[in-house]
Protein backbone atom coordinates (compact mmCIF):
# COMPACT_ATOMS: atom_id res chain seq x y z
CA UNK A 1 -70.23 -4.98 -17.67
CA UNK A 2 -67.99 -6.29 -20.50
CA UNK A 3 -66.07 -2.96 -20.65
CA UNK A 4 -64.82 -3.40 -17.07
CA UNK A 5 -64.03 -7.10 -17.78
CA UNK A 6 -61.97 -5.86 -20.71
CA UNK A 7 -59.96 -3.28 -18.91
CA UNK A 8 -59.36 -5.96 -16.06
CA UNK A 9 -57.94 -8.28 -18.86
CA UNK A 10 -55.60 -5.42 -20.09
CA UNK A 11 -54.18 -4.67 -16.79
CA UNK A 12 -53.45 -8.02 -16.12
CA UNK A 13 -51.59 -8.64 -19.29
CA UNK A 14 -50.08 -5.38 -18.83
CA UNK A 15 -48.40 -6.59 -15.60
CA UNK A 16 -46.74 -9.70 -17.49
CA UNK A 17 -44.66 -7.67 -19.83
CA UNK A 18 -40.74 -7.86 -19.45
CA UNK A 19 -38.66 -4.93 -19.68
CA UNK A 20 -36.68 -4.92 -22.67
CA UNK A 21 -32.97 -3.95 -22.85
CA UNK A 22 -31.70 -1.29 -25.12
CA UNK A 23 -30.00 -2.73 -27.89
CA UNK A 24 -26.93 -0.97 -28.97
CA UNK A 25 -24.33 -1.82 -31.72
CA UNK A 26 -21.05 -2.17 -29.81
CA UNK A 27 -18.17 -0.01 -31.57
CA UNK A 28 -15.81 -2.08 -33.56
CA UNK A 29 -12.23 -2.13 -35.10
CA UNK A 30 -11.70 -4.68 -37.59
CA UNK A 31 -7.99 -5.41 -38.92
CA UNK A 32 -7.12 -7.91 -41.58
CA UNK A 33 -3.42 -9.68 -42.24
CA UNK A 34 -2.24 -12.88 -43.88
CA UNK A 35 -3.17 -15.36 -41.08
CA UNK A 36 -6.60 -13.62 -39.77
CA UNK A 37 -9.36 -11.25 -39.53
CA UNK A 38 -8.83 -9.47 -35.83
CA UNK A 39 -11.93 -7.72 -34.71
CA UNK A 40 -12.13 -5.86 -31.78
CA UNK A 41 -15.53 -5.02 -30.08
CA UNK A 42 -16.42 -2.05 -27.01
CA UNK A 43 -18.31 -4.07 -24.62
CA UNK A 44 -17.64 -2.00 -21.29
CA UNK A 45 -19.23 -3.69 -18.35
CA UNK A 46 -20.10 -7.14 -20.03
CA UNK A 47 -18.97 -10.19 -18.58
CA UNK A 48 -17.45 -13.29 -20.24
CA UNK A 49 -20.62 -15.38 -19.42
CA UNK A 50 -22.70 -12.76 -20.83
CA UNK A 51 -21.43 -12.85 -23.84
CA UNK A 52 -22.61 -15.18 -27.30
CA UNK A 53 -21.03 -15.45 -30.32
CA UNK A 54 -22.80 -17.26 -33.14
CA UNK A 55 -21.65 -17.95 -36.87
CA UNK A 56 -23.89 -19.67 -39.08
CA UNK A 57 -24.49 -19.64 -42.76
CA UNK A 58 -22.08 -16.83 -43.50
CA UNK A 59 -23.47 -14.60 -40.66
CA UNK A 60 -21.51 -13.98 -37.28
CA UNK A 61 -23.67 -12.19 -34.47
CA UNK A 62 -22.19 -10.70 -31.45
CA UNK A 63 -24.25 -10.37 -28.52
CA UNK A 64 -23.69 -9.40 -24.84
CA UNK A 65 -25.41 -7.95 -22.08
CA UNK A 66 -24.56 -5.61 -19.64
CA UNK A 67 -26.53 -5.93 -16.32
CA UNK A 68 -25.48 -3.70 -13.24
CA UNK A 69 -25.93 -4.24 -9.48
CA UNK A 70 -27.20 -1.43 -7.76
CA UNK A 71 -28.16 -0.43 -4.32
CA UNK A 72 -30.42 2.08 -3.19
CA UNK A 73 -32.25 4.73 -5.35
CA UNK A 74 -30.65 6.53 -8.28
CA UNK A 75 -30.13 9.99 -7.97
CA UNK A 76 -28.91 10.21 -11.67
CA UNK A 77 -28.13 7.32 -14.43
CA UNK A 78 -26.47 7.66 -17.74
CA UNK A 79 -24.76 4.21 -17.82
CA UNK A 80 -27.47 1.71 -17.29
CA UNK A 81 -28.09 -1.88 -18.33
CA UNK A 82 -28.17 -2.59 -22.03
CA UNK A 83 -27.82 -5.21 -24.93
CA UNK A 84 -24.74 -5.24 -27.43
CA UNK A 85 -25.61 -6.83 -30.46
CA UNK A 86 -24.16 -6.80 -34.10
CA UNK A 87 -24.43 -8.86 -37.06
CA UNK A 88 -21.47 -8.96 -39.68
CA UNK A 89 -21.22 -11.04 -43.05
CA UNK A 90 -18.17 -13.83 -42.52
CA UNK A 91 -16.01 -14.47 -45.57
CA UNK A 92 -16.02 -18.31 -46.50
CA UNK A 93 -12.56 -18.25 -46.00
CA UNK A 94 -12.55 -18.29 -42.12
CA UNK A 95 -11.74 -21.65 -40.42
CA UNK A 96 -14.69 -21.51 -38.11
CA UNK A 97 -13.21 -24.56 -35.91
CA UNK A 98 -10.44 -22.47 -34.89
CA UNK A 99 -12.25 -19.31 -34.16
CA UNK A 100 -11.43 -17.83 -31.04
CA UNK A 101 -12.08 -14.67 -28.82
CA UNK A 102 -10.52 -12.99 -25.37
CA UNK A 103 -12.03 -10.37 -23.37
CA UNK A 104 -10.18 -7.54 -21.28
CA UNK A 105 -11.19 -4.47 -20.08
CA UNK A 106 -14.48 -4.14 -21.52
CA UNK A 107 -13.33 -5.19 -25.01
CA UNK A 108 -13.77 -8.63 -26.72
CA UNK A 109 -11.05 -9.25 -29.01
CA UNK A 110 -12.06 -12.02 -31.67
CA UNK A 111 -9.98 -14.17 -33.75
CA UNK A 112 -11.33 -15.07 -37.23
CA UNK A 113 -8.28 -17.49 -38.57
CA UNK A 114 -8.12 -17.77 -42.30
CA UNK A 115 -8.10 -21.40 -43.91
CA UNK A 116 -4.79 -22.57 -45.14
CA UNK A 117 -6.79 -22.38 -48.89
CA UNK A 118 -7.21 -18.59 -48.46
CA UNK A 119 -4.15 -17.49 -47.19
CA UNK A 120 -1.59 -15.82 -49.62
CA UNK A 121 1.36 -18.33 -51.48
CA UNK A 122 4.39 -17.78 -52.58
CA UNK A 123 4.70 -19.42 -55.77
CA UNK A 124 8.25 -21.00 -56.44
CA UNK A 125 9.73 -20.62 -60.40
CA UNK A 126 11.78 -23.31 -61.51
CA UNK A 127 14.35 -22.38 -64.38
CA UNK A 128 13.81 -24.88 -67.09
């Protein structure tokens, strides 16, 4: 009798499992100039409201979920629902208050401005 009870309990718990989306690291290009670090992250099919960018304690995490609305039975699937996630170390020279992002054509552009103290300066030489 106890074996049957155990099987029923396992089945009930299995029905409560939530389907996990596959996690994929988005492809990224990073450029740096005197005033900022510019990051391009490829996140096709992800809408603005499904993206989160968190910067905390020297780490920046990008994440976004691609959800597909489908109708009918799938005859073939290669492009499914997925969670994009990637974490980067962020230099202390970034002005976190001025960070901003744009999304267009499946590419997230993230601007990480450098603080004034981190920008290169030209030192004037005086003749004495």
